[in-house]
Amino acid sequence: VQLQASGGGSVQAGGSLRLSCAAAKRTLSNNGMGWFRQAPGKEREIVAAINWNGAATYLADSVKGRFTISKDIAKSTGYLQMNSLKPEDTAVYYCAGGLGSGLSTEGSRYRYWGRGTQVTVSS
């Protein structure tokens, strides 16, 4: 099973990016997924999570009101829409799946991880 995150890049503060996470073998279709990030010198942290059908979502306090998580069941693809980006959002962003139908903020509960995509926000 592979997860591939894409959509990262370099933007100025206040800009937007949309990250995508595509999964092989329809892995995300019936499973929850999460987005995590890790900045240099810092521990990995949860950014957002969503259950299998999108009915339940979680957003970290630091991104509430700016980020949105969603998923397209038919395409087995998850998304993280990031608006009003700040320099402190700079990190490598990872998508994770293989959780089961619920959602979780704990990285250890996810079985599959993508390679990550770099997001850099300049002031």
PDB file of N, CA and C in Angstrom:
ATOM      1  N   VAL A   1       0.850  -1.177   0.000  1.00  0.00           N
ATOM      2  CA  VAL A   1       0.000   0.000   0.000  1.00  0.00           C
ATOM      3  C   VAL A   1       0.889   1.231   0.000  1.00  0.00           C
ATOM      4  N   GLN A   2       0.557   2.185  -0.851  1.00  0.00           N
ATOM      5  CA  GLN A   2       1.358   3.406  -0.901  1.00  0.00           C
ATOM      6  C   GLN A   2       0.465   4.625  -0.796  1.00  0.00           C
ATOM      7  N   LEU A   3       0.953   5.598  -0.103  1.00  0.00           N
ATOM      8  CA  LEU A   3       0.291   6.889  -0.029  1.00  0.00           C
ATOM      9  C   LEU A   3       1.234   7.915  -0.625  1.00  0.00           C
ATOM     10  N   GLN A   4       0.718   8.763  -1.431  1.00  0.00           N
ATOM     11  CA  GLN A   4       1.543   9.774  -2.068  1.00  0.00           C
ATOM     12  C   GLN A   4       0.959  11.140  -1.810  1.00  0.00           C
ATOM     13  N   ALA A   5       1.695  11.936  -1.040  1.00  0.00           N
ATOM     14  CA  ALA A   5       1.268  13.308  -0.778  1.00  0.00           C
ATOM     15  C   ALA A   5       1.871  14.225  -1.826  1.00  0.00           C
ATOM     16  N   SER A   6       1.111  15.207  -2.246  1.00  0.00           N
ATOM     17  CA  SER A   6       1.592  16.174  -3.231  1.00  0.00           C
ATOM     18  C   SER A   6       0.929  17.517  -2.989  1.00  0.00           C
ATOM     19  N   GLY A   7       1.422  18.531  -3.675  1.00  0.00           N
ATOM     20  CA  GLY A   7       0.822  19.842  -3.590  1.00  0.00           C
ATOM     21  C   GLY A   7       1.588  20.843  -2.748  1.00  0.00           C
ATOM     22  N   GLY A   8       2.682  20.397  -2.135  1.00  0.00           N
ATOM     23  CA  GLY A   8       3.470  21.326  -1.356  1.00  0.00           C
ATOM     24  C   GLY A   8       4.177  22.339  -2.236  1.00  0.00           C
ATOM     25  N   GLY A   9       4.797  23.303  -1.602  1.00  0.00           N
ATOM     26  CA  GLY A   9       5.519  24.320  -2.351  1.00  0.00           C
ATOM     27  C   GLY A   9       5.912  25.475  -1.458  1.00  0.00           C
ATOM     28  N   SER A  10       6.336  26.542  -2.089  1.00  0.00           N
ATOM     29  CA  SER A  10       6.750  27.742  -1.371  1.00  0.00           C
ATOM     30  C   SER A  10       5.765  28.862  -1.661  1.00  0.00           C
ATOM     31  N   VAL A  11       5.245  29.472  -0.614  1.00  0.00           N
ATOM     32  CA  VAL A  11       4.300  30.573  -0.758  1.00  0.00           C
ATOM     33  C   VAL A  11       4.634  31.661   0.244  1.00  0.00           C
ATOM     34  N   GLN A  12       4.100  32.821   0.009  1.00  0.00           N
ATOM     35  CA  GLN A  12       4.251  33.906   0.967  1.00  0.00           C
ATOM     36  C   GLN A  12       3.146  33.808   2.018  1.00  0.00           C
ATOM     37  N   ALA A  13       3.400  34.405   3.153  1.00  0.00           N
ATOM     38  CA  ALA A  13       2.406  34.437   4.216  1.00  0.00           C
ATOM     39  C   ALA A  13       1.090  34.991   3.682  1.00  0.00           C
ATOM     40  N   GLY A  14       0.000  34.342   4.082  1.00  0.00           N
ATOM     41  CA  GLY A  14      -1.306  34.725   3.597  1.00  0.00           C
ATOM     42  C   GLY A  14      -1.763  33.943   2.379  1.00  0.00           C
ATOM     43  N   GLY A  15      -0.854  33.190   1.789  1.00  0.00           N
ATOM     44  CA  GLY A  15      -1.178  32.415   0.599  1.00  0.00           C
ATOM     45  C   GLY A  15      -1.883  31.117   0.928  1.00  0.00           C
ATOM     46  N   SER A  16      -2.167  30.347  -0.121  1.00  0.00           N
ATOM     47  CA  SER A  16      -2.895  29.089   0.026  1.00  0.00           C
ATOM     48  C   SER A  16      -2.205  27.966  -0.734  1.00  0.00           C
ATOM     49  N   LEU A  17      -2.396  26.773  -0.242  1.00  0.00           N
ATOM     50  CA  LEU A  17      -1.962  25.562  -0.915  1.00  0.00           C
ATOM     51  C   LEU A  17      -2.991  24.478  -0.648  1.00  0.00           C
ATOM     52  N   ARG A  18      -3.114  23.535  -1.576  1.00  0.00           N
ATOM     53  CA  ARG A  18      -3.951  22.374  -1.335  1.00  0.00           C
ATOM     54  C   ARG A  18      -3.102  21.132  -1.479  1.00  0.00           C
ATOM     55  N   LEU A  19      -3.022  20.370  -0.413  1.00  0.00           N
ATOM     56  CA  LEU A  19      -2.298  19.117  -0.438  1.00  0.00           C
ATOM     57  C   LEU A  19      -3.254  17.986  -0.796  1.00  0.00           C
ATOM     58  N   SER A  20      -2.744  17.042  -1.549  1.00  0.00           N
ATOM     59  CA  SER A  20      -3.519  15.864  -1.914  1.00  0.00           C
ATOM     60  C   SER A  20      -2.792  14.622  -1.433  1.00  0.00           C
ATOM     61  N   CYS A  21      -3.555  13.604  -1.107  1.00  0.00           N
ATOM     62  CA  CYS A  21      -2.983  12.326  -0.688  1.00  0.00           C
ATOM     63  C   CYS A  21      -3.707  11.231  -1.450  1.00  0.00           C
ATOM     64  N   ALA A  22      -3.044  10.665  -2.410  1.00  0.00           N
ATOM     65  CA  ALA A  22      -3.620   9.594  -3.222  1.00  0.00           C
ATOM     66  C   ALA A  22      -3.147   8.258  -2.696  1.00  0.00           C
ATOM     67  N   ALA A  23      -4.050   7.304  -2.657  1.00  0.00           N
ATOM     68  CA  ALA A  23      -3.712   5.989  -2.116  1.00  0.00           C
ATOM     69  C   ALA A  23      -3.950   4.903  -3.138  1.00  0.00           C
ATOM     70  N   ALA A  24      -3.065   3.960  -3.173  1.00  0.00           N
ATOM     71  CA  ALA A  24      -3.236   2.812  -4.047  1.00  0.00           C
ATOM     72  C   ALA A  24      -4.272   1.873  -3.462  1.00  0.00           C
ATOM     73  N   LYS A  25      -4.877   1.065  -4.317  1.00  0.00           N
ATOM     74  CA  LYS A  25      -5.817   0.022  -3.905  1.00  0.00           C
ATOM     75  C   LYS A  25      -6.972   0.557  -3.071  1.00  0.00           C
ATOM     76  N   ARG A  26      -7.397   1.762  -3.335  1.00  0.00           N
ATOM     77  CA  ARG A  26      -8.562   2.340  -2.671  1.00  0.00           C
ATOM     78  C   ARG A  26      -8.421   2.289  -1.148  1.00  0.00           C
ATOM     79  N   THR A  27      -7.212   2.454  -0.666  1.00  0.00           N
ATOM     80  CA  THR A  27      -6.927   2.350   0.766  1.00  0.00           C
ATOM     81  C   THR A  27      -7.692   3.356   1.594  1.00  0.00           C
ATOM     82  N   LEU A  28      -7.866   4.540   1.041  1.00  0.00           N
ATOM     83  CA  LEU A  28      -8.514   5.579   1.833  1.00  0.00           C
ATOM     84  C   LEU A  28     -10.031   5.541   1.735  1.00  0.00           C
ATOM     85  N   SER A  29     -10.557   4.772   0.790  1.00  0.00           N
ATOM     86  CA  SER A  29     -11.991   4.828   0.555  1.00  0.00           C
ATOM     87  C   SER A  29     -12.808   4.473   1.788  1.00  0.00           C
ATOM     88  N   ASN A  30     -12.420   3.455   2.518  1.00  0.00           N
ATOM     89  CA  ASN A  30     -13.181   2.996   3.676  1.00  0.00           C
ATOM     90  C   ASN A  30     -12.442   3.217   4.987  1.00  0.00           C
ATOM     91  N   ASN A  31     -11.469   4.093   4.948  1.00  0.00           N
ATOM     92  CA  ASN A  31     -10.660   4.336   6.140  1.00  0.00           C
ATOM     93  C   ASN A  31     -10.541   5.814   6.444  1.00  0.00           C
ATOM     94  N   GLY A  32     -10.340   6.099   7.718  1.00  0.00           N
ATOM     95  CA  GLY A  32     -10.021   7.459   8.083  1.00  0.00           C
ATOM     96  C   GLY A  32      -8.590   7.781   7.688  1.00  0.00           C
ATOM     97  N   MET A  33      -8.253   9.045   7.707  1.00  0.00           N
ATOM     98  CA  MET A  33      -6.893   9.452   7.382  1.00  0.00           C
ATOM     99  C   MET A  33      -6.507  10.670   8.197  1.00  0.00           C
ATOM    100  N   GLY A  34      -5.233  10.929   8.220  1.00  0.00           N
ATOM    101  CA  GLY A  34      -4.761  12.087   8.965  1.00  0.00           C
ATOM    102  C   GLY A  34      -3.671  12.806   8.222  1.00  0.00           C
ATOM    103  N   TRP A  35      -3.510  14.066   8.546  1.00  0.00           N
ATOM    104  CA  TRP A  35      -2.381  14.864   8.067  1.00  0.00           C
ATOM    105  C   TRP A  35      -1.544  15.262   9.277  1.00  0.00           C
ATOM    106  N   PHE A  36      -0.269  15.034   9.172  1.00  0.00           N
ATOM    107  CA  PHE A  36       0.683  15.385  10.214  1.00  0.00           C
ATOM    108  C   PHE A  36       1.747  16.282   9.606  1.00  0.00           C
ATOM    109  N   ARG A  37       2.476  16.974  10.440  1.00  0.00           N
ATOM    110  CA  ARG A  37       3.587  17.779   9.944  1.00  0.00           C
ATOM    111  C   ARG A  37       4.747  17.743  10.925  1.00  0.00           C
ATOM    112  N   GLN A  38       5.904  17.966  10.389  1.00  0.00           N
ATOM    113  CA  GLN A  38       7.102  18.009  11.221  1.00  0.00           C
ATOM    114  C   GLN A  38       8.009  19.125  10.736  1.00  0.00           C
ATOM    115  N   ALA A  39       8.237  20.073  11.615  1.00  0.00           N
ATOM    116  CA  ALA A  39       9.138  21.181  11.312  1.00  0.00           C
ATOM    117  C   ALA A  39      10.544  20.827  11.783  1.00  0.00           C
ATOM    118  N   PRO A  40      11.569  21.443  11.231  1.00  0.00           N
ATOM    119  CA  PRO A  40      12.942  21.144  11.646  1.00  0.00           C
ATOM    120  C   PRO A  40      13.125  21.334  13.142  1.00  0.00           C
ATOM    121  N   GLY A  41      13.684  20.324  13.791  1.00  0.00           N
ATOM    122  CA  GLY A  41      13.954  20.412  15.207  1.00  0.00           C
ATOM    123  C   GLY A  41      12.757  20.213  16.102  1.00  0.00           C
ATOM    124  N   LYS A  42      11.624  19.919  15.500  1.00  0.00           N
ATOM    125  CA  LYS A  42      10.413  19.728  16.295  1.00  0.00           C
ATOM    126  C   LYS A  42       9.854  18.329  16.106  1.00  0.00           C
ATOM    127  N   GLU A  43       9.007  17.914  17.007  1.00  0.00           N
ATOM    128  CA  GLU A  43       8.358  16.616  16.896  1.00  0.00           C
ATOM    129  C   GLU A  43       7.210  16.679  15.900  1.00  0.00           C
ATOM    130  N   ARG A  44       6.885  15.522  15.362  1.00  0.00           N
ATOM    131  CA  ARG A  44       5.739  15.432  14.477  1.00  0.00           C
ATOM    132  C   ARG A  44       4.473  15.777  15.244  1.00  0.00           C
ATOM    133  N   GLU A  45       3.574  16.486  14.582  1.00  0.00           N
ATOM    134  CA  GLU A  45       2.326  16.860  15.235  1.00  0.00           C
ATOM    135  C   GLU A  45       1.152  16.630  14.299  1.00  0.00           C
ATOM    136  N   ILE A  46       0.002  16.365  14.896  1.00  0.00           N
ATOM    137  CA  ILE A  46      -1.216  16.193  14.129  1.00  0.00           C
ATOM    138  C   ILE A  46      -1.679  17.557  13.625  1.00  0.00           C
ATOM    139  N   VAL A  47      -2.142  17.580  12.398  1.00  0.00           N
ATOM    140  CA  VAL A  47      -2.707  18.792  11.825  1.00  0.00           C
ATOM    141  C   VAL A  47      -4.213  18.633  11.678  1.00  0.00           C
ATOM    142  N   ALA A  48      -4.626  17.524  11.084  1.00  0.00           N
ATOM    143  CA  ALA A  48      -6.038  17.296  10.827  1.00  0.00           C
ATOM    144  C   ALA A  48      -6.289  15.815  10.644  1.00  0.00           C
ATOM    145  N   ALA A  49      -7.522  15.404  10.896  1.00  0.00           N
ATOM    146  CA  ALA A  49      -7.905  14.004  10.712  1.00  0.00           C
ATOM    147  C   ALA A  49      -9.363  13.954  10.285  1.00  0.00           C
ATOM    148  N   ILE A  50      -9.711  12.874   9.601  1.00  0.00           N
ATOM    149  CA  ILE A  50     -11.071  12.730   9.092  1.00  0.00           C
ATOM    150  C   ILE A  50     -11.440  11.251   9.112  1.00  0.00           C
ATOM    151  N   ASN A  51     -12.711  10.958   9.392  1.00  0.00           N
ATOM    152  CA  ASN A  51     -13.118   9.559   9.396  1.00  0.00           C
ATOM    153  C   ASN A  51     -13.418   9.104   7.972  1.00  0.00           C
ATOM    154  N   TRP A  52     -13.866   7.868   7.814  1.00  0.00           N
ATOM    155  CA  TRP A  52     -13.921   7.287   6.486  1.00  0.00           C
ATOM    156  C   TRP A  52     -14.853   8.021   5.530  1.00  0.00           C
ATOM    157  N   ASN A  53     -15.971   8.547   6.015  1.00  0.00           N
ATOM    158  CA  ASN A  53     -16.933   9.176   5.096  1.00  0.00           C
ATOM    159  C   ASN A  53     -16.965  10.687   5.217  1.00  0.00           C
ATOM    160  N   GLY A  54     -16.077  11.247   6.018  1.00  0.00           N
ATOM    161  CA  GLY A  54     -16.008  12.696   6.127  1.00  0.00           C
ATOM    162  C   GLY A  54     -16.980  13.303   7.111  1.00  0.00           C
ATOM    163  N   ALA A  55     -17.740  12.472   7.799  1.00  0.00           N
ATOM    164  CA  ALA A  55     -18.740  12.997   8.726  1.00  0.00           C
ATOM    165  C   ALA A  55     -18.116  13.555  10.001  1.00  0.00           C
ATOM    166  N   ALA A  56     -16.931  13.107  10.319  1.00  0.00           N
ATOM    167  CA  ALA A  56     -16.243  13.577  11.519  1.00  0.00           C
ATOM    168  C   ALA A  56     -14.850  14.059  11.140  1.00  0.00           C
ATOM    169  N   THR A  57     -14.484  15.231  11.644  1.00  0.00           N
ATOM    170  CA  THR A  57     -13.167  15.791  11.356  1.00  0.00           C
ATOM    171  C   THR A  57     -12.554  16.357  12.623  1.00  0.00           C
ATOM    172  N   TYR A  58     -11.238  16.491  12.590  1.00  0.00           N
ATOM    173  CA  TYR A  58     -10.501  17.106  13.677  1.00  0.00           C
ATOM    174  C   TYR A  58      -9.498  18.072  13.059  1.00  0.00           C
ATOM    175  N   LEU A  59      -9.364  19.247  13.670  1.00  0.00           N
ATOM    176  CA  LEU A  59      -8.353  20.210  13.256  1.00  0.00           C
ATOM    177  C   LEU A  59      -7.606  20.683  14.491  1.00  0.00           C
ATOM    178  N   ALA A  60      -6.305  20.715  14.418  1.00  0.00           N
ATOM    179  CA  ALA A  60      -5.517  21.238  15.519  1.00  0.00           C
ATOM    180  C   ALA A  60      -5.869  22.704  15.752  1.00  0.00           C
ATOM    181  N   ASP A  61      -5.766  23.142  16.985  1.00  0.00           N
ATOM    182  CA  ASP A  61      -6.123  24.522  17.316  1.00  0.00           C
ATOM    183  C   ASP A  61      -5.339  25.527  16.477  1.00  0.00           C
ATOM    184  N   SER A  62      -4.101  25.185  16.170  1.00  0.00           N
ATOM    185  CA  SER A  62      -3.236  26.114  15.440  1.00  0.00           C
ATOM    186  C   SER A  62      -3.674  26.350  14.000  1.00  0.00           C
ATOM    187  N   VAL A  63      -4.540  25.476  13.475  1.00  0.00           N
ATOM    188  CA  VAL A  63      -4.957  25.612  12.073  1.00  0.00           C
ATOM    189  C   VAL A  63      -6.453  25.812  11.918  1.00  0.00           C
ATOM    190  N   LYS A  64      -7.201  25.790  13.009  1.00  0.00           N
ATOM    191  CA  LYS A  64      -8.642  25.984  12.920  1.00  0.00           C
ATOM    192  C   LYS A  64      -8.968  27.326  12.295  1.00  0.00           C
ATOM    193  N   GLY A  65      -9.940  27.302  11.405  1.00  0.00           N
ATOM    194  CA  GLY A  65     -10.335  28.522  10.722  1.00  0.00           C
ATOM    195  C   GLY A  65      -9.504  28.817   9.494  1.00  0.00           C
ATOM    196  N   ARG A  66      -8.402  28.073   9.311  1.00  0.00           N
ATOM    197  CA  ARG A  66      -7.527  28.301   8.147  1.00  0.00           C
ATOM    198  C   ARG A  66      -7.407  27.061   7.259  1.00  0.00           C
ATOM    199  N   PHE A  67      -7.408  25.893   7.851  1.00  0.00           N
ATOM    200  CA  PHE A  67      -7.244  24.634   7.115  1.00  0.00           C
ATOM    201  C   PHE A  67      -8.558  23.873   7.084  1.00  0.00           C
ATOM    202  N   THR A  68      -8.732  23.092   6.038  1.00  0.00           N
ATOM    203  CA  THR A  68      -9.885  22.215   5.907  1.00  0.00           C
ATOM    204  C   THR A  68      -9.414  20.857   5.412  1.00  0.00           C
ATOM    205  N   ILE A  69      -9.916  19.797   6.037  1.00  0.00           N
ATOM    206  CA  ILE A  69      -9.599  18.444   5.588  1.00  0.00           C
ATOM    207  C   ILE A  69     -10.834  17.846   4.922  1.00  0.00           C
ATOM    208  N   SER A  70     -10.593  17.110   3.857  1.00  0.00           N
ATOM    209  CA  SER A  70     -11.698  16.469   3.158  1.00  0.00           C
ATOM    210  C   SER A  70     -11.173  15.220   2.452  1.00  0.00           C
ATOM    211  N   LYS A  71     -12.085  14.420   1.947  1.00  0.00           N
ATOM    212  CA  LYS A  71     -11.661  13.250   1.186  1.00  0.00           C
ATOM    213  C   LYS A  71     -12.691  12.906   0.139  1.00  0.00           C
ATOM    214  N   ASP A  72     -12.228  12.369  -0.953  1.00  0.00           N
ATOM    215  CA  ASP A  72     -13.078  11.917  -2.038  1.00  0.00           C
ATOM    216  C   ASP A  72     -13.044  10.391  -2.009  1.00  0.00           C
ATOM    217  N   ILE A  73     -14.129   9.796  -1.538  1.00  0.00           N
ATOM    218  CA  ILE A  73     -14.153   8.345  -1.363  1.00  0.00           C
ATOM    219  C   ILE A  73     -13.959   7.631  -2.694  1.00  0.00           C
ATOM    220  N   ALA A  74     -14.641   8.097  -3.714  1.00  0.00           N
ATOM    221  CA  ALA A  74     -14.566   7.441  -5.020  1.00  0.00           C
ATOM    222  C   ALA A  74     -13.149   7.448  -5.586  1.00  0.00           C
ATOM    223  N   LYS A  75     -12.423   8.519  -5.316  1.00  0.00           N
ATOM    224  CA  LYS A  75     -11.063   8.641  -5.839  1.00  0.00           C
ATOM    225  C   LYS A  75     -10.019   8.123  -4.864  1.00  0.00           C
ATOM    226  N   SER A  76     -10.445   7.723  -3.667  1.00  0.00           N
ATOM    227  CA  SER A  76      -9.518   7.283  -2.626  1.00  0.00           C
ATOM    228  C   SER A  76      -8.412   8.319  -2.439  1.00  0.00           C
ATOM    229  N   THR A  77      -8.824   9.555  -2.328  1.00  0.00           N
ATOM    230  CA  THR A  77      -7.875  10.670  -2.216  1.00  0.00           C
ATOM    231  C   THR A  77      -8.328  11.605  -1.099  1.00  0.00           C
ATOM    232  N   GLY A  78      -7.374  12.038  -0.310  1.00  0.00           N
ATOM    233  CA  GLY A  78      -7.658  12.998   0.736  1.00  0.00           C
ATOM    234  C   GLY A  78      -7.037  14.340   0.414  1.00  0.00           C
ATOM    235  N   TYR A  79      -7.571  15.385   1.029  1.00  0.00           N
ATOM    236  CA  TYR A  79      -7.106  16.734   0.739  1.00  0.00           C
ATOM    237  C   TYR A  79      -6.921  17.527   2.031  1.00  0.00           C
ATOM    238  N   LEU A  80      -5.999  18.452   1.978  1.00  0.00           N
ATOM    239  CA  LEU A  80      -5.826  19.417   3.058  1.00  0.00           C
ATOM    240  C   LEU A  80      -5.726  20.784   2.399  1.00  0.00           C
ATOM    241  N   GLN A  81      -6.795  21.554   2.512  1.00  0.00           N
ATOM    242  CA  GLN A  81      -6.802  22.911   1.981  1.00  0.00           C
ATOM    243  C   GLN A  81      -6.240  23.841   3.039  1.00  0.00           C
ATOM    244  N   MET A  82      -5.201  24.554   2.682  1.00  0.00           N
ATOM    245  CA  MET A  82      -4.520  25.421   3.641  1.00  0.00           C
ATOM    246  C   MET A  82      -4.595  26.861   3.162  1.00  0.00           C
ATOM    247  N   ASN A  83      -5.291  27.673   3.912  1.00  0.00           N
ATOM    248  CA  ASN A  83      -5.435  29.089   3.595  1.00  0.00           C
ATOM    249  C   ASN A  83      -4.781  29.943   4.670  1.00  0.00           C
ATOM    250  N   SER A  84      -4.564  31.195   4.349  1.00  0.00           N
ATOM    251  CA  SER A  84      -3.964  32.145   5.309  1.00  0.00           C
ATOM    252  C   SER A  84      -2.718  31.554   5.956  1.00  0.00           C
ATOM    253  N   LEU A  85      -1.857  31.018   5.140  1.00  0.00           N
ATOM    254  CA  LEU A  85      -0.669  30.355   5.652  1.00  0.00           C
ATOM    255  C   LEU A  85       0.252  31.317   6.386  1.00  0.00           C
ATOM    256  N   LYS A  86       0.894  30.777   7.413  1.00  0.00           N
ATOM    257  CA  LYS A  86       1.806  31.557   8.241  1.00  0.00           C
ATOM    258  C   LYS A  86       3.199  30.921   8.185  1.00  0.00           C
ATOM    259  N   PRO A  87       4.237  31.682   8.465  1.00  0.00           N
ATOM    260  CA  PRO A  87       5.589  31.096   8.478  1.00  0.00           C
ATOM    261  C   PRO A  87       5.699  29.894   9.403  1.00  0.00           C
ATOM    262  N   GLU A  88       4.955  29.893  10.484  1.00  0.00           N
ATOM    263  CA  GLU A  88       5.010  28.764  11.424  1.00  0.00           C
ATOM    264  C   GLU A  88       4.345  27.499  10.889  1.00  0.00           C
ATOM    265  N   ASP A  89       3.709  27.591   9.747  1.00  0.00           N
ATOM    266  CA  ASP A  89       3.167  26.395   9.093  1.00  0.00           C
ATOM    267  C   ASP A  89       4.234  25.671   8.280  1.00  0.00           C
ATOM    268  N   THR A  90       5.392  26.259   8.167  1.00  0.00           N
ATOM    269  CA  THR A  90       6.479  25.635   7.404  1.00  0.00           C
ATOM    270  C   THR A  90       6.861  24.301   8.026  1.00  0.00           C
ATOM    271  N   ALA A  91       6.814  23.252   7.222  1.00  0.00           N
ATOM    272  CA  ALA A  91       7.102  21.894   7.705  1.00  0.00           C
ATOM    273  C   ALA A  91       7.003  20.929   6.541  1.00  0.00           C
ATOM    274  N   VAL A  92       7.396  19.694   6.803  1.00  0.00           N
ATOM    275  CA  VAL A  92       7.086  18.609   5.887  1.00  0.00           C
ATOM    276  C   VAL A  92       5.755  18.019   6.333  1.00  0.00           C
ATOM    277  N   TYR A  93       4.836  17.920   5.400  1.00  0.00           N
ATOM    278  CA  TYR A  93       3.496  17.429   5.690  1.00  0.00           C
ATOM    279  C   TYR A  93       3.371  15.987   5.207  1.00  0.00           C
ATOM    280  N   TYR A  94       2.813  15.151   6.071  1.00  0.00           N
ATOM    281  CA  TYR A  94       2.635  13.740   5.768  1.00  0.00           C
ATOM    282  C   TYR A  94       1.161  13.372   5.847  1.00  0.00           C
ATOM    283  N   CYS A  95       0.734  12.507   4.946  1.00  0.00           N
ATOM    284  CA  CYS A  95      -0.596  11.930   5.087  1.00  0.00           C
ATOM    285  C   CYS A  95      -0.449  10.512   5.613  1.00  0.00           C
ATOM    286  N   ALA A  96      -1.439  10.074   6.340  1.00  0.00           N
ATOM    287  CA  ALA A  96      -1.401   8.748   6.947  1.00  0.00           C
ATOM    288  C   ALA A  96      -2.752   8.086   6.802  1.00  0.00           C
ATOM    289  N   GLY A  97      -2.751   6.767   6.613  1.00  0.00           N
ATOM    290  CA  GLY A  97      -3.997   6.024   6.450  1.00  0.00           C
ATOM    291  C   GLY A  97      -3.888   4.645   7.059  1.00  0.00           C
ATOM    292  N   GLY A  98      -4.876   3.801   6.752  1.00  0.00           N
ATOM    293  CA  GLY A  98      -4.875   2.446   7.288  1.00  0.00           C
ATOM    294  C   GLY A  98      -5.312   2.379   8.722  1.00  0.00           C
ATOM    295  N   LEU A  99      -6.147   3.324   9.127  1.00  0.00           N
ATOM    296  CA  LEU A  99      -6.570   3.423  10.519  1.00  0.00           C
ATOM    297  C   LEU A  99      -7.777   2.560  10.827  1.00  0.00           C
ATOM    298  N   GLY A 100      -8.620   2.392   9.821  1.00  0.00           N
ATOM    299  CA  GLY A 100      -9.949   1.856  10.124  1.00  0.00           C
ATOM    300  C   GLY A 100     -10.943   2.968   9.829  1.00  0.00           C
ATOM    301  N   SER A 101     -12.193   2.781  10.179  1.00  0.00           N
ATOM    302  CA  SER A 101     -13.220   3.714   9.757  1.00  0.00           C
ATOM    303  C   SER A 101     -13.270   5.009  10.566  1.00  0.00           C
ATOM    304  N   GLY A 102     -12.678   5.020  11.746  1.00  0.00           N
ATOM    305  CA  GLY A 102     -12.737   6.203  12.585  1.00  0.00           C
ATOM    306  C   GLY A 102     -11.654   7.199  12.273  1.00  0.00           C
ATOM    307  N   LEU A 103     -11.415   8.108  13.201  1.00  0.00           N
ATOM    308  CA  LEU A 103     -10.314   9.044  13.052  1.00  0.00           C
ATOM    309  C   LEU A 103      -9.485   9.027  14.330  1.00  0.00           C
ATOM    310  N   SER A 104      -8.244   9.444  14.218  1.00  0.00           N
ATOM    311  CA  SER A 104      -7.366   9.471  15.377  1.00  0.00           C
ATOM    312  C   SER A 104      -6.352  10.587  15.229  1.00  0.00           C
ATOM    313  N   THR A 105      -5.962  11.151  16.355  1.00  0.00           N
ATOM    314  CA  THR A 105      -4.916  12.167  16.355  1.00  0.00           C
ATOM    315  C   THR A 105      -3.554  11.566  16.693  1.00  0.00           C
ATOM    316  N   GLU A 106      -3.521  10.269  16.923  1.00  0.00           N
ATOM    317  CA  GLU A 106      -2.284   9.597  17.315  1.00  0.00           C
ATOM    318  C   GLU A 106      -1.635   8.930  16.112  1.00  0.00           C
ATOM    319  N   GLY A 107      -0.450   9.356  15.790  1.00  0.00           N
ATOM    320  CA  GLY A 107       0.246   8.815  14.639  1.00  0.00           C
ATOM    321  C   GLY A 107       0.495   7.327  14.721  1.00  0.00           C
ATOM    322  N   SER A 108       0.674   6.809  15.916  1.00  0.00           N
ATOM    323  CA  SER A 108       0.977   5.395  16.085  1.00  0.00           C
ATOM    324  C   SER A 108      -0.167   4.491  15.659  1.00  0.00           C
ATOM    325  N   ARG A 109      -1.353   5.038  15.524  1.00  0.00           N
ATOM    326  CA  ARG A 109      -2.497   4.226  15.142  1.00  0.00           C
ATOM    327  C   ARG A 109      -2.631   4.070  13.630  1.00  0.00           C
ATOM    328  N   TYR A 110      -1.857   4.817  12.886  1.00  0.00           N
ATOM    329  CA  TYR A 110      -1.935   4.733  11.429  1.00  0.00           C
ATOM    330  C   TYR A 110      -0.908   3.732  10.919  1.00  0.00           C
ATOM    331  N   ARG A 111      -1.329   2.891   9.994  1.00  0.00           N
ATOM    332  CA  ARG A 111      -0.440   1.856   9.474  1.00  0.00           C
ATOM    333  C   ARG A 111       0.380   2.317   8.277  1.00  0.00           C
ATOM    334  N   TYR A 112      -0.179   3.234   7.494  1.00  0.00           N
ATOM    335  CA  TYR A 112       0.490   3.610   6.256  1.00  0.00           C
ATOM    336  C   TYR A 112       0.780   5.099   6.238  1.00  0.00           C
ATOM    337  N   TRP A 113       1.953   5.432   5.739  1.00  0.00           N
ATOM    338  CA  TRP A 113       2.396   6.815   5.678  1.00  0.00           C
ATOM    339  C   TRP A 113       2.940   7.141   4.297  1.00  0.00           C
ATOM    340  N   GLY A 114       2.636   8.368   3.847  1.00  0.00           N
ATOM    341  CA  GLY A 114       3.222   8.853   2.612  1.00  0.00           C
ATOM    342  C   GLY A 114       4.600   9.428   2.890  1.00  0.00           C
ATOM    343  N   ARG A 115       5.307   9.765   1.847  1.00  0.00           N
ATOM    344  CA  ARG A 115       6.673  10.275   1.990  1.00  0.00           C
ATOM    345  C   ARG A 115       6.747  11.696   2.477  1.00  0.00           C
ATOM    346  N   GLY A 116       5.721  12.449   2.348  1.00  0.00           N
ATOM    347  CA  GLY A 116       5.746  13.819   2.802  1.00  0.00           C
ATOM    348  C   GLY A 116       5.976  14.799   1.679  1.00  0.00           C
ATOM    349  N   THR A 117       5.463  15.990   1.874  1.00  0.00           N
ATOM    350  CA  THR A 117       5.642  17.070   0.912  1.00  0.00           C
ATOM    351  C   THR A 117       5.998  18.342   1.682  1.00  0.00           C
ATOM    352  N   GLN A 118       6.974  19.075   1.174  1.00  0.00           N
ATOM    353  CA  GLN A 118       7.480  20.253   1.871  1.00  0.00           C
ATOM    354  C   GLN A 118       6.574  21.455   1.626  1.00  0.00           C
ATOM    355  N   VAL A 119       6.245  22.135   2.710  1.00  0.00           N
ATOM    356  CA  VAL A 119       5.516  23.403   2.640  1.00  0.00           C
ATOM    357  C   VAL A 119       6.394  24.465   3.288  1.00  0.00           C
ATOM    358  N   THR A 120       6.687  25.517   2.541  1.00  0.00           N
ATOM    359  CA  THR A 120       7.515  26.598   3.046  1.00  0.00           C
ATOM    360  C   THR A 120       6.755  27.906   2.897  1.00  0.00           C
ATOM    361  N   VAL A 121       6.588  28.602   4.007  1.00  0.00           N
ATOM    362  CA  VAL A 121       5.858  29.869   4.006  1.00  0.00           C
ATOM    363  C   VAL A 121       6.816  30.974   4.424  1.00  0.00           C
ATOM    364  N   SER A 122       6.986  31.939   3.571  1.00  0.00           N
ATOM    365  CA  SER A 122       7.901  33.045   3.856  1.00  0.00           C
ATOM    366  C   SER A 122       7.123  34.270   4.307  1.00  0.00           C
ATOM    367  N   SER A 123       7.757  35.046   5.147  1.00  0.00           N
ATOM    368  CA  SER A 123       7.086  36.246   5.676  1.00  0.00           C
ATOM    369  C   SER A 123       7.293  37.441   4.779  1.00  0.00           C
TER     370      SER A 123
END
